[in-house]
Amino acid sequence: MPVLPFLSDSEEHLDETIGKMKEYGADFVLVAGLTLFGDKPNDCKVRYYKILEEYFPEVLEKTKQMFKDSFAPPMDYQTSLHKRSERICRKYGIKSKII
């Protein structure tokens, strides 16, 4: 947690990450979407966008469109991410929640 939209949220990346976590002995995995706050120079949203602009410019506009004026991705994205991560956790026999 968190999963980065367009960078670490693909089925393949989630599968690889959760598989490695199981391999290293994790009891559970909590997968959640990225949250971004603030519009001041040192706030995480502004800083994250600068990092994307420098290192991953191909996903900057898609990410801005996803978050718009919100601190979180849209509910449909979060629901899809949750369903995919639960399915992959079941595949590896690892819990997708603490309890």
PDB file of N, CA and C in Angstrom:
ATOM      1  N   MET A   1       0.848  -1.157   0.000  1.00  0.00           N
ATOM      2  CA  MET A   1       0.000   0.000   0.000  1.00  0.00           C
ATOM      3  C   MET A   1       0.902   1.231   0.000  1.00  0.00           C
ATOM      4  N   PRO A   2       0.696   2.226  -0.743  1.00  0.00           N
ATOM      5  CA  PRO A   2      -0.321   2.309  -1.789  1.00  0.00           C
ATOM      6  C   PRO A   2       0.199   1.803  -3.130  1.00  0.00           C
ATOM      7  N   VAL A   3      -0.742   1.503  -3.978  1.00  0.00           N
ATOM      8  CA  VAL A   3      -0.433   1.123  -5.343  1.00  0.00           C
ATOM      9  C   VAL A   3      -0.471   2.394  -6.190  1.00  0.00           C
ATOM     10  N   LEU A   4       0.499   2.550  -7.061  1.00  0.00           N
ATOM     11  CA  LEU A   4       0.606   3.756  -7.872  1.00  0.00           C
ATOM     12  C   LEU A   4      -0.112   3.568  -9.209  1.00  0.00           C
ATOM     13  N   PRO A   5      -1.127   4.381  -9.480  1.00  0.00           N
ATOM     14  CA  PRO A   5      -1.862   4.248 -10.739  1.00  0.00           C
ATOM     15  C   PRO A   5      -0.931   4.355 -11.947  1.00  0.00           C
ATOM     16  N   PHE A   6      -1.130   3.438 -12.880  1.00  0.00           N
ATOM     17  CA  PHE A   6      -0.402   3.385 -14.149  1.00  0.00           C
ATOM     18  C   PHE A   6       1.067   2.990 -14.000  1.00  0.00           C
ATOM     19  N   LEU A   7       1.529   2.758 -12.780  1.00  0.00           N
ATOM     20  CA  LEU A   7       2.916   2.355 -12.558  1.00  0.00           C
ATOM     21  C   LEU A   7       3.019   0.994 -11.878  1.00  0.00           C
ATOM     22  N   SER A   8       2.223   0.764 -10.852  1.00  0.00           N
ATOM     23  CA  SER A   8       2.342  -0.507 -10.126  1.00  0.00           C
ATOM     24  C   SER A   8       0.992  -1.178  -9.910  1.00  0.00           C
ATOM     25  N   ASP A   9       0.005  -0.829 -10.709  1.00  0.00           N
ATOM     26  CA  ASP A   9      -1.333  -1.379 -10.501  1.00  0.00           C
ATOM     27  C   ASP A   9      -1.775  -2.396 -11.553  1.00  0.00           C
ATOM     28  N   SER A  10      -0.880  -2.785 -12.440  1.00  0.00           N
ATOM     29  CA  SER A  10      -1.266  -3.773 -13.451  1.00  0.00           C
ATOM     30  C   SER A  10      -1.430  -5.150 -12.801  1.00  0.00           C
ATOM     31  N   GLU A  11      -2.168  -5.981 -13.458  1.00  0.00           N
ATOM     32  CA  GLU A  11      -2.372  -7.360 -12.977  1.00  0.00           C
ATOM     33  C   GLU A  11      -1.026  -8.049 -12.777  1.00  0.00           C
ATOM     34  N   GLU A  12      -0.133  -7.889 -13.730  1.00  0.00           N
ATOM     35  CA  GLU A  12       1.173  -8.532 -13.673  1.00  0.00           C
ATOM     36  C   GLU A  12       2.010  -8.020 -12.497  1.00  0.00           C
ATOM     37  N   HIS A  13       2.001  -6.716 -12.297  1.00  0.00           N
ATOM     38  CA  HIS A  13       2.784  -6.144 -11.209  1.00  0.00           C
ATOM     39  C   HIS A  13       2.220  -6.549  -9.854  1.00  0.00           C
ATOM     40  N   LEU A  14       0.908  -6.508  -9.714  1.00  0.00           N
ATOM     41  CA  LEU A  14       0.287  -6.933  -8.455  1.00  0.00           C
ATOM     42  C   LEU A  14       0.593  -8.401  -8.173  1.00  0.00           C
ATOM     43  N   ASP A  15       0.509  -9.230  -9.200  1.00  0.00           N
ATOM     44  CA  ASP A  15       0.793 -10.648  -9.037  1.00  0.00           C
ATOM     45  C   ASP A  15       2.235 -10.861  -8.585  1.00  0.00           C
ATOM     46  N   GLU A  16       3.155 -10.196  -9.225  1.00  0.00           N
ATOM     47  CA  GLU A  16       4.567 -10.330  -8.863  1.00  0.00           C
ATOM     48  C   GLU A  16       4.823  -9.835  -7.435  1.00  0.00           C
ATOM     49  N   THR A  17       4.256  -8.709  -7.089  1.00  0.00           N
ATOM     50  CA  THR A  17       4.474  -8.118  -5.766  1.00  0.00           C
ATOM     51  C   THR A  17       3.878  -8.985  -4.664  1.00  0.00           C
ATOM     52  N   ILE A  18       2.638  -9.412  -4.839  1.00  0.00           N
ATOM     53  CA  ILE A  18       1.986 -10.229  -3.818  1.00  0.00           C
ATOM     54  C   ILE A  18       2.664 -11.590  -3.718  1.00  0.00           C
ATOM     55  N   GLY A  19       3.072 -12.149  -4.856  1.00  0.00           N
ATOM     56  CA  GLY A  19       3.802 -13.420  -4.835  1.00  0.00           C
ATOM     57  C   GLY A  19       5.098 -13.311  -4.043  1.00  0.00           C
ATOM     58  N   LYS A  20       5.836 -12.212  -4.248  1.00  0.00           N
ATOM     59  CA  LYS A  20       7.086 -12.001  -3.499  1.00  0.00           C
ATOM     60  C   LYS A  20       6.817 -11.818  -2.012  1.00  0.00           C
ATOM     61  N   MET A  21       5.746 -11.115  -1.688  1.00  0.00           N
ATOM     62  CA  MET A  21       5.414 -10.919  -0.282  1.00  0.00           C
ATOM     63  C   MET A  21       5.136 -12.266   0.401  1.00  0.00           C
ATOM     64  N   LYS A  22       4.412 -13.119  -0.278  1.00  0.00           N
ATOM     65  CA  LYS A  22       4.130 -14.452   0.256  1.00  0.00           C
ATOM     66  C   LYS A  22       5.436 -15.235   0.408  1.00  0.00           C
ATOM     67  N   GLU A  23       6.274 -15.155  -0.608  1.00  0.00           N
ATOM     68  CA  GLU A  23       7.561 -15.848  -0.589  1.00  0.00           C
ATOM     69  C   GLU A  23       8.410 -15.431   0.611  1.00  0.00           C
ATOM     70  N   TYR A  24       8.334 -14.158   0.981  1.00  0.00           N
ATOM     71  CA  TYR A  24       9.119 -13.646   2.103  1.00  0.00           C
ATOM     72  C   TYR A  24       8.403 -13.768   3.446  1.00  0.00           C
ATOM     73  N   GLY A  25       7.247 -14.453   3.468  1.00  0.00           N
ATOM     74  CA  GLY A  25       6.602 -14.776   4.730  1.00  0.00           C
ATOM     75  C   GLY A  25       5.517 -13.842   5.206  1.00  0.00           C
ATOM     76  N   ALA A  26       5.022 -12.972   4.356  1.00  0.00           N
ATOM     77  CA  ALA A  26       3.940 -12.073   4.779  1.00  0.00           C
ATOM     78  C   ALA A  26       2.698 -12.885   5.127  1.00  0.00           C
ATOM     79  N   ASP A  27       2.005 -12.460   6.173  1.00  0.00           N
ATOM     80  CA  ASP A  27       0.752 -13.104   6.573  1.00  0.00           C
ATOM     81  C   ASP A  27      -0.447 -12.506   5.849  1.00  0.00           C
ATOM     82  N   PHE A  28      -0.349 -11.226   5.519  1.00  0.00           N
ATOM     83  CA  PHE A  28      -1.437 -10.550   4.830  1.00  0.00           C
ATOM     84  C   PHE A  28      -0.875  -9.397   4.011  1.00  0.00           C
ATOM     85  N   VAL A  29      -1.677  -8.951   3.051  1.00  0.00           N
ATOM     86  CA  VAL A  29      -1.312  -7.827   2.189  1.00  0.00           C
ATOM     87  C   VAL A  29      -2.492  -6.866   2.171  1.00  0.00           C
ATOM     88  N   LEU A  30      -2.215  -5.610   2.412  1.00  0.00           N
ATOM     89  CA  LEU A  30      -3.242  -4.574   2.306  1.00  0.00           C
ATOM     90  C   LEU A  30      -2.947  -3.742   1.069  1.00  0.00           C
ATOM     91  N   VAL A  31      -3.773  -3.872   0.070  1.00  0.00           N
ATOM     92  CA  VAL A  31      -3.596  -3.129  -1.175  1.00  0.00           C
ATOM     93  C   VAL A  31      -4.606  -1.993  -1.190  1.00  0.00           C
ATOM     94  N   ALA A  32      -4.120  -0.800  -1.457  1.00  0.00           N
ATOM     95  CA  ALA A  32      -5.003   0.364  -1.533  1.00  0.00           C
ATOM     96  C   ALA A  32      -4.473   1.333  -2.573  1.00  0.00           C
ATOM     97  N   GLY A  33      -5.363   2.135  -3.076  1.00  0.00           N
ATOM     98  CA  GLY A  33      -4.974   3.146  -4.047  1.00  0.00           C
ATOM     99  C   GLY A  33      -4.257   4.307  -3.386  1.00  0.00           C
ATOM    100  N   LEU A  34      -3.480   4.983  -4.174  1.00  0.00           N
ATOM    101  CA  LEU A  34      -2.736   6.153  -3.732  1.00  0.00           C
ATOM    102  C   LEU A  34      -3.695   7.280  -3.362  1.00  0.00           C
ATOM    103  N   THR A  35      -3.371   8.029  -2.315  1.00  0.00           N
ATOM    104  CA  THR A  35      -4.080   9.259  -1.996  1.00  0.00           C
ATOM    105  C   THR A  35      -3.095  10.415  -2.097  1.00  0.00           C
ATOM    106  N   LEU A  36      -3.578  11.530  -2.598  1.00  0.00           N
ATOM    107  CA  LEU A  36      -2.734  12.705  -2.808  1.00  0.00           C
ATOM    108  C   LEU A  36      -3.448  13.938  -2.276  1.00  0.00           C
ATOM    109  N   PHE A  37      -2.761  14.698  -1.419  1.00  0.00           N
ATOM    110  CA  PHE A  37      -3.360  15.868  -0.803  1.00  0.00           C
ATOM    111  C   PHE A  37      -2.559  17.127  -1.096  1.00  0.00           C
ATOM    112  N   GLY A  38      -3.242  18.244  -1.137  1.00  0.00           N
ATOM    113  CA  GLY A  38      -2.618  19.551  -1.121  1.00  0.00           C
ATOM    114  C   GLY A  38      -2.289  20.158  -2.458  1.00  0.00           C
ATOM    115  N   ASP A  39      -2.147  21.488  -2.421  1.00  0.00           N
ATOM    116  CA  ASP A  39      -1.783  22.218  -3.626  1.00  0.00           C
ATOM    117  C   ASP A  39      -0.637  23.197  -3.372  1.00  0.00           C
ATOM    118  N   LYS A  40      -0.020  23.080  -2.209  1.00  0.00           N
ATOM    119  CA  LYS A  40       1.142  23.915  -1.882  1.00  0.00           C
ATOM    120  C   LYS A  40       2.418  23.193  -2.330  1.00  0.00           C
ATOM    121  N   PRO A  41       3.502  23.911  -2.546  1.00  0.00           N
ATOM    122  CA  PRO A  41       4.720  23.322  -3.117  1.00  0.00           C
ATOM    123  C   PRO A  41       5.244  22.061  -2.412  1.00  0.00           C
ATOM    124  N   ASN A  42       5.093  21.958  -1.113  1.00  0.00           N
ATOM    125  CA  ASN A  42       5.597  20.787  -0.402  1.00  0.00           C
ATOM    126  C   ASN A  42       4.530  19.741  -0.095  1.00  0.00           C
ATOM    127  N   ASP A  43       3.319  19.932  -0.595  1.00  0.00           N
ATOM    128  CA  ASP A  43       2.259  18.946  -0.386  1.00  0.00           C
ATOM    129  C   ASP A  43       2.477  17.742  -1.298  1.00  0.00           C
ATOM    130  N   CYS A  44       1.993  16.608  -0.857  1.00  0.00           N
ATOM    131  CA  CYS A  44       2.304  15.363  -1.574  1.00  0.00           C
ATOM    132  C   CYS A  44       1.774  15.346  -3.007  1.00  0.00           C
ATOM    133  N   LYS A  45       0.621  15.926  -3.273  1.00  0.00           N
ATOM    134  CA  LYS A  45       0.075  15.905  -4.639  1.00  0.00           C
ATOM    135  C   LYS A  45       1.004  16.661  -5.593  1.00  0.00           C
ATOM    136  N   VAL A  46       1.436  17.845  -5.191  1.00  0.00           N
ATOM    137  CA  VAL A  46       2.322  18.661  -6.022  1.00  0.00           C
ATOM    138  C   VAL A  46       3.657  17.963  -6.219  1.00  0.00           C
ATOM    139  N   ARG A  47       4.204  17.418  -5.166  1.00  0.00           N
ATOM    140  CA  ARG A  47       5.504  16.741  -5.248  1.00  0.00           C
ATOM    141  C   ARG A  47       5.419  15.480  -6.106  1.00  0.00           C
ATOM    142  N   TYR A  48       4.323  14.731  -5.949  1.00  0.00           N
ATOM    143  CA  TYR A  48       4.152  13.503  -6.743  1.00  0.00           C
ATOM    144  C   TYR A  48       4.062  13.836  -8.232  1.00  0.00           C
ATOM    145  N   TYR A  49       3.299  14.864  -8.568  1.00  0.00           N
ATOM    146  CA  TYR A  49       3.188  15.261  -9.969  1.00  0.00           C
ATOM    147  C   TYR A  49       4.538  15.694 -10.542  1.00  0.00           C
ATOM    148  N   LYS A  50       5.355  16.343  -9.737  1.00  0.00           N
ATOM    149  CA  LYS A  50       6.700  16.733 -10.199  1.00  0.00           C
ATOM    150  C   LYS A  50       7.563  15.501 -10.469  1.00  0.00           C
ATOM    151  N   ILE A  51       7.465  14.508  -9.611  1.00  0.00           N
ATOM    152  CA  ILE A  51       8.210  13.255  -9.815  1.00  0.00           C
ATOM    153  C   ILE A  51       7.752  12.584 -11.101  1.00  0.00           C
ATOM    154  N   LEU A  52       6.428  12.520 -11.296  1.00  0.00           N
ATOM    155  CA  LEU A  52       5.912  11.922 -12.531  1.00  0.00           C
ATOM    156  C   LEU A  52       6.410  12.693 -13.748  1.00  0.00           C
ATOM    157  N   GLU A  53       6.355  14.007 -13.663  1.00  0.00           N
ATOM    158  CA  GLU A  53       6.799  14.831 -14.791  1.00  0.00           C
ATOM    159  C   GLU A  53       8.259  14.537 -15.153  1.00  0.00           C
ATOM    160  N   GLU A  54       9.076  14.333 -14.144  1.00  0.00           N
ATOM    161  CA  GLU A  54      10.498  14.094 -14.388  1.00  0.00           C
ATOM    162  C   GLU A  54      10.800  12.664 -14.834  1.00  0.00           C
ATOM    163  N   TYR A  55      10.192  11.690 -14.168  1.00  0.00           N
ATOM    164  CA  TYR A  55      10.570  10.294 -14.396  1.00  0.00           C
ATOM    165  C   TYR A  55       9.558   9.472 -15.195  1.00  0.00           C
ATOM    166  N   PHE A  56       8.291   9.850 -15.144  1.00  0.00           N
ATOM    167  CA  PHE A  56       7.249   9.088 -15.834  1.00  0.00           C
ATOM    168  C   PHE A  56       6.273  10.042 -16.531  1.00  0.00           C
ATOM    169  N   PRO A  57       6.764  10.875 -17.427  1.00  0.00           N
ATOM    170  CA  PRO A  57       5.888  11.884 -18.053  1.00  0.00           C
ATOM    171  C   PRO A  57       4.716  11.270 -18.819  1.00  0.00           C
ATOM    172  N   GLU A  58       4.875  10.043 -19.256  1.00  0.00           N
ATOM    173  CA  GLU A  58       3.806   9.395 -20.026  1.00  0.00           C
ATOM    174  C   GLU A  58       2.547   9.127 -19.215  1.00  0.00           C
ATOM    175  N   VAL A  59       2.626   9.155 -17.890  1.00  0.00           N
ATOM    176  CA  VAL A  59       1.441   8.899 -17.067  1.00  0.00           C
ATOM    177  C   VAL A  59       0.956  10.134 -16.315  1.00  0.00           C
ATOM    178  N   LEU A  60       1.643  11.243 -16.459  1.00  0.00           N
ATOM    179  CA  LEU A  60       1.282  12.449 -15.700  1.00  0.00           C
ATOM    180  C   LEU A  60      -0.141  12.903 -15.986  1.00  0.00           C
ATOM    181  N   GLU A  61      -0.488  13.105 -17.240  1.00  0.00           N
ATOM    182  CA  GLU A  61      -1.828  13.608 -17.572  1.00  0.00           C
ATOM    183  C   GLU A  61      -2.920  12.620 -17.188  1.00  0.00           C
ATOM    184  N   LYS A  62      -2.665  11.316 -17.403  1.00  0.00           N
ATOM    185  CA  LYS A  62      -3.658  10.305 -17.001  1.00  0.00           C
ATOM    186  C   LYS A  62      -3.876  10.338 -15.497  1.00  0.00           C
ATOM    187  N   THR A  63      -2.805  10.535 -14.754  1.00  0.00           N
ATOM    188  CA  THR A  63      -2.910  10.584 -13.296  1.00  0.00           C
ATOM    189  C   THR A  63      -3.679  11.827 -12.857  1.00  0.00           C
ATOM    190  N   LYS A  64      -3.380  12.961 -13.462  1.00  0.00           N
ATOM    191  CA  LYS A  64      -4.106  14.191 -13.135  1.00  0.00           C
ATOM    192  C   LYS A  64      -5.591  14.045 -13.455  1.00  0.00           C
ATOM    193  N   GLN A  65      -5.903  13.420 -14.574  1.00  0.00           N
ATOM    194  CA  GLN A  65      -7.309  13.191 -14.937  1.00  0.00           C
ATOM    195  C   GLN A  65      -7.989  12.262 -13.937  1.00  0.00           C
ATOM    196  N   MET A  66      -7.256  11.279 -13.462  1.00  0.00           N
ATOM    197  CA  MET A  66      -7.835  10.334 -12.505  1.00  0.00           C
ATOM    198  C   MET A  66      -8.186  11.032 -11.188  1.00  0.00           C
ATOM    199  N   PHE A  67      -7.292  11.871 -10.702  1.00  0.00           N
ATOM    200  CA  PHE A  67      -7.498  12.507  -9.398  1.00  0.00           C
ATOM    201  C   PHE A  67      -8.317  13.793  -9.483  1.00  0.00           C
ATOM    202  N   LYS A  68      -8.228  14.490 -10.567  1.00  0.00           N
ATOM    203  CA  LYS A  68      -8.921  15.772 -10.754  1.00  0.00           C
ATOM    204  C   LYS A  68      -8.768  16.624  -9.497  1.00  0.00           C
ATOM    205  N   ASP A  69      -9.870  16.968  -8.845  1.00  0.00           N
ATOM    206  CA  ASP A  69      -9.819  17.788  -7.628  1.00  0.00           C
ATOM    207  C   ASP A  69      -9.970  16.957  -6.363  1.00  0.00           C
ATOM    208  N   SER A  70      -9.823  15.663  -6.484  1.00  0.00           N
ATOM    209  CA  SER A  70     -10.013  14.768  -5.345  1.00  0.00           C
ATOM    210  C   SER A  70      -8.672  14.344  -4.754  1.00  0.00           C
ATOM    211  N   PHE A  71      -8.718  13.806  -3.562  1.00  0.00           N
ATOM    212  CA  PHE A  71      -7.504  13.277  -2.927  1.00  0.00           C
ATOM    213  C   PHE A  71      -7.332  11.791  -3.237  1.00  0.00           C
ATOM    214  N   ALA A  72      -8.354  11.160  -3.806  1.00  0.00           N
ATOM    215  CA  ALA A  72      -8.324   9.716  -4.044  1.00  0.00           C
ATOM    216  C   ALA A  72      -8.799   9.393  -5.451  1.00  0.00           C
ATOM    217  N   PRO A  73      -8.385   8.236  -5.970  1.00  0.00           N
ATOM    218  CA  PRO A  73      -8.890   7.808  -7.280  1.00  0.00           C
ATOM    219  C   PRO A  73     -10.398   7.544  -7.208  1.00  0.00           C
ATOM    220  N   PRO A  74     -11.074   7.538  -8.341  1.00  0.00           N
ATOM    221  CA  PRO A  74     -12.519   7.273  -8.352  1.00  0.00           C
ATOM    222  C   PRO A  74     -12.846   5.895  -7.766  1.00  0.00           C
ATOM    223  N   MET A  75     -14.054   5.770  -7.274  1.00  0.00           N
ATOM    224  CA  MET A  75     -14.487   4.534  -6.622  1.00  0.00           C
ATOM    225  C   MET A  75     -14.410   3.328  -7.554  1.00  0.00           C
ATOM    226  N   ASP A  76     -14.698   3.492  -8.834  1.00  0.00           N
ATOM    227  CA  ASP A  76     -14.627   2.348  -9.744  1.00  0.00           C
ATOM    228  C   ASP A  76     -13.191   1.820  -9.853  1.00  0.00           C
ATOM    229  N   TYR A  77     -12.212   2.721  -9.848  1.00  0.00           N
ATOM    230  CA  TYR A  77     -10.810   2.300  -9.856  1.00  0.00           C
ATOM    231  C   TYR A  77     -10.488   1.541  -8.561  1.00  0.00           C
ATOM    232  N   GLN A  78     -10.899   2.101  -7.433  1.00  0.00           N
ATOM    233  CA  GLN A  78     -10.622   1.468  -6.148  1.00  0.00           C
ATOM    234  C   GLN A  78     -11.276   0.092  -6.037  1.00  0.00           C
ATOM    235  N   THR A  79     -12.496  -0.035  -6.530  1.00  0.00           N
ATOM    236  CA  THR A  79     -13.205  -1.317  -6.500  1.00  0.00           C
ATOM    237  C   THR A  79     -12.489  -2.340  -7.370  1.00  0.00           C
ATOM    238  N   SER A  80     -12.084  -1.939  -8.560  1.00  0.00           N
ATOM    239  CA  SER A  80     -11.366  -2.839  -9.458  1.00  0.00           C
ATOM    240  C   SER A  80     -10.043  -3.283  -8.845  1.00  0.00           C
ATOM    241  N   LEU A  81      -9.308  -2.358  -8.263  1.00  0.00           N
ATOM    242  CA  LEU A  81      -8.046  -2.675  -7.614  1.00  0.00           C
ATOM    243  C   LEU A  81      -8.258  -3.665  -6.472  1.00  0.00           C
ATOM    244  N   HIS A  82      -9.285  -3.432  -5.683  1.00  0.00           N
ATOM    245  CA  HIS A  82      -9.594  -4.318  -4.558  1.00  0.00           C
ATOM    246  C   HIS A  82      -9.926  -5.739  -5.046  1.00  0.00           C
ATOM    247  N   LYS A  83     -10.755  -5.842  -6.065  1.00  0.00           N
ATOM    248  CA  LYS A  83     -11.138  -7.160  -6.581  1.00  0.00           C
ATOM    249  C   LYS A  83      -9.933  -7.908  -7.146  1.00  0.00           C
ATOM    250  N   ARG A  84      -9.097  -7.204  -7.903  1.00  0.00           N
ATOM    251  CA  ARG A  84      -7.900  -7.844  -8.467  1.00  0.00           C
ATOM    252  C   ARG A  84      -6.951  -8.306  -7.369  1.00  0.00           C
ATOM    253  N   SER A  85      -6.730  -7.458  -6.387  1.00  0.00           N
ATOM    254  CA  SER A  85      -5.795  -7.826  -5.321  1.00  0.00           C
ATOM    255  C   SER A  85      -6.345  -8.984  -4.486  1.00  0.00           C
ATOM    256  N   GLU A  86      -7.638  -9.010  -4.222  1.00  0.00           N
ATOM    257  CA  GLU A  86      -8.218 -10.138  -3.481  1.00  0.00           C
ATOM    258  C   GLU A  86      -8.048 -11.443  -4.262  1.00  0.00           C
ATOM    259  N   ARG A  87      -8.294 -11.403  -5.555  1.00  0.00           N
ATOM    260  CA  ARG A  87      -8.159 -12.598  -6.394  1.00  0.00           C
ATOM    261  C   ARG A  87      -6.711 -13.102  -6.376  1.00  0.00           C
ATOM    262  N   ILE A  88      -5.757 -12.204  -6.477  1.00  0.00           N
ATOM    263  CA  ILE A  88      -4.354 -12.602  -6.482  1.00  0.00           C
ATOM    264  C   ILE A  88      -3.941 -13.111  -5.099  1.00  0.00           C
ATOM    265  N   CYS A  89      -4.441 -12.490  -4.050  1.00  0.00           N
ATOM    266  CA  CYS A  89      -4.151 -12.988  -2.695  1.00  0.00           C
ATOM    267  C   CYS A  89      -4.665 -14.415  -2.525  1.00  0.00           C
ATOM    268  N   ARG A  90      -5.866 -14.684  -3.014  1.00  0.00           N
ATOM    269  CA  ARG A  90      -6.395 -16.057  -2.935  1.00  0.00           C
ATOM    270  C   ARG A  90      -5.487 -17.021  -3.698  1.00  0.00           C
ATOM    271  N   LYS A  91      -5.011 -16.610  -4.845  1.00  0.00           N
ATOM    272  CA  LYS A  91      -4.123 -17.441  -5.657  1.00  0.00           C
ATOM    273  C   LYS A  91      -2.890 -17.888  -4.851  1.00  0.00           C
ATOM    274  N   TYR A  92      -2.356 -16.959  -4.048  1.00  0.00           N
ATOM    275  CA  TYR A  92      -1.148 -17.257  -3.276  1.00  0.00           C
ATOM    276  C   TYR A  92      -1.449 -17.715  -1.838  1.00  0.00           C
ATOM    277  N   GLY A  93      -2.720 -17.811  -1.488  1.00  0.00           N
ATOM    278  CA  GLY A  93      -3.076 -18.259  -0.141  1.00  0.00           C
ATOM    279  C   GLY A  93      -2.642 -17.282   0.936  1.00  0.00           C
ATOM    280  N   ILE A  94      -2.760 -16.015   0.641  1.00  0.00           N
ATOM    281  CA  ILE A  94      -2.389 -14.976   1.592  1.00  0.00           C
ATOM    282  C   ILE A  94      -3.614 -14.109   1.875  1.00  0.00           C
ATOM    283  N   LYS A  95      -3.781 -13.687   3.118  1.00  0.00           N
ATOM    284  CA  LYS A  95      -4.937 -12.867   3.491  1.00  0.00           C
ATOM    285  C   LYS A  95      -4.842 -11.488   2.852  1.00  0.00           C
ATOM    286  N   SER A  96      -6.014 -10.932   2.539  1.00  0.00           N
ATOM    287  CA  SER A  96      -6.054  -9.583   1.976  1.00  0.00           C
ATOM    288  C   SER A  96      -6.592  -8.582   2.995  1.00  0.00           C
ATOM    289  N   LYS A  97      -6.628  -8.994   4.258  1.00  0.00           N
ATOM    290  CA  LYS A  97      -7.004  -8.116   5.365  1.00  0.00           C
ATOM    291  C   LYS A  97      -6.320  -8.605   6.629  1.00  0.00           C
ATOM    292  N   ILE A  98      -6.289  -7.768   7.622  1.00  0.00           N
ATOM    293  CA  ILE A  98      -5.582  -8.102   8.860  1.00  0.00           C
ATOM    294  C   ILE A  98      -6.279  -9.233   9.615  1.00  0.00           C
ATOM    295  N   ILE A  99      -7.579  -9.177   9.674  1.00  0.00           N
ATOM    296  CA  ILE A  99      -8.338 -10.175  10.450  1.00  0.00           C
ATOM    297  C   ILE A  99      -8.807 -11.301   9.564  1.00  0.00           C
TER     298      ILE A  99
END
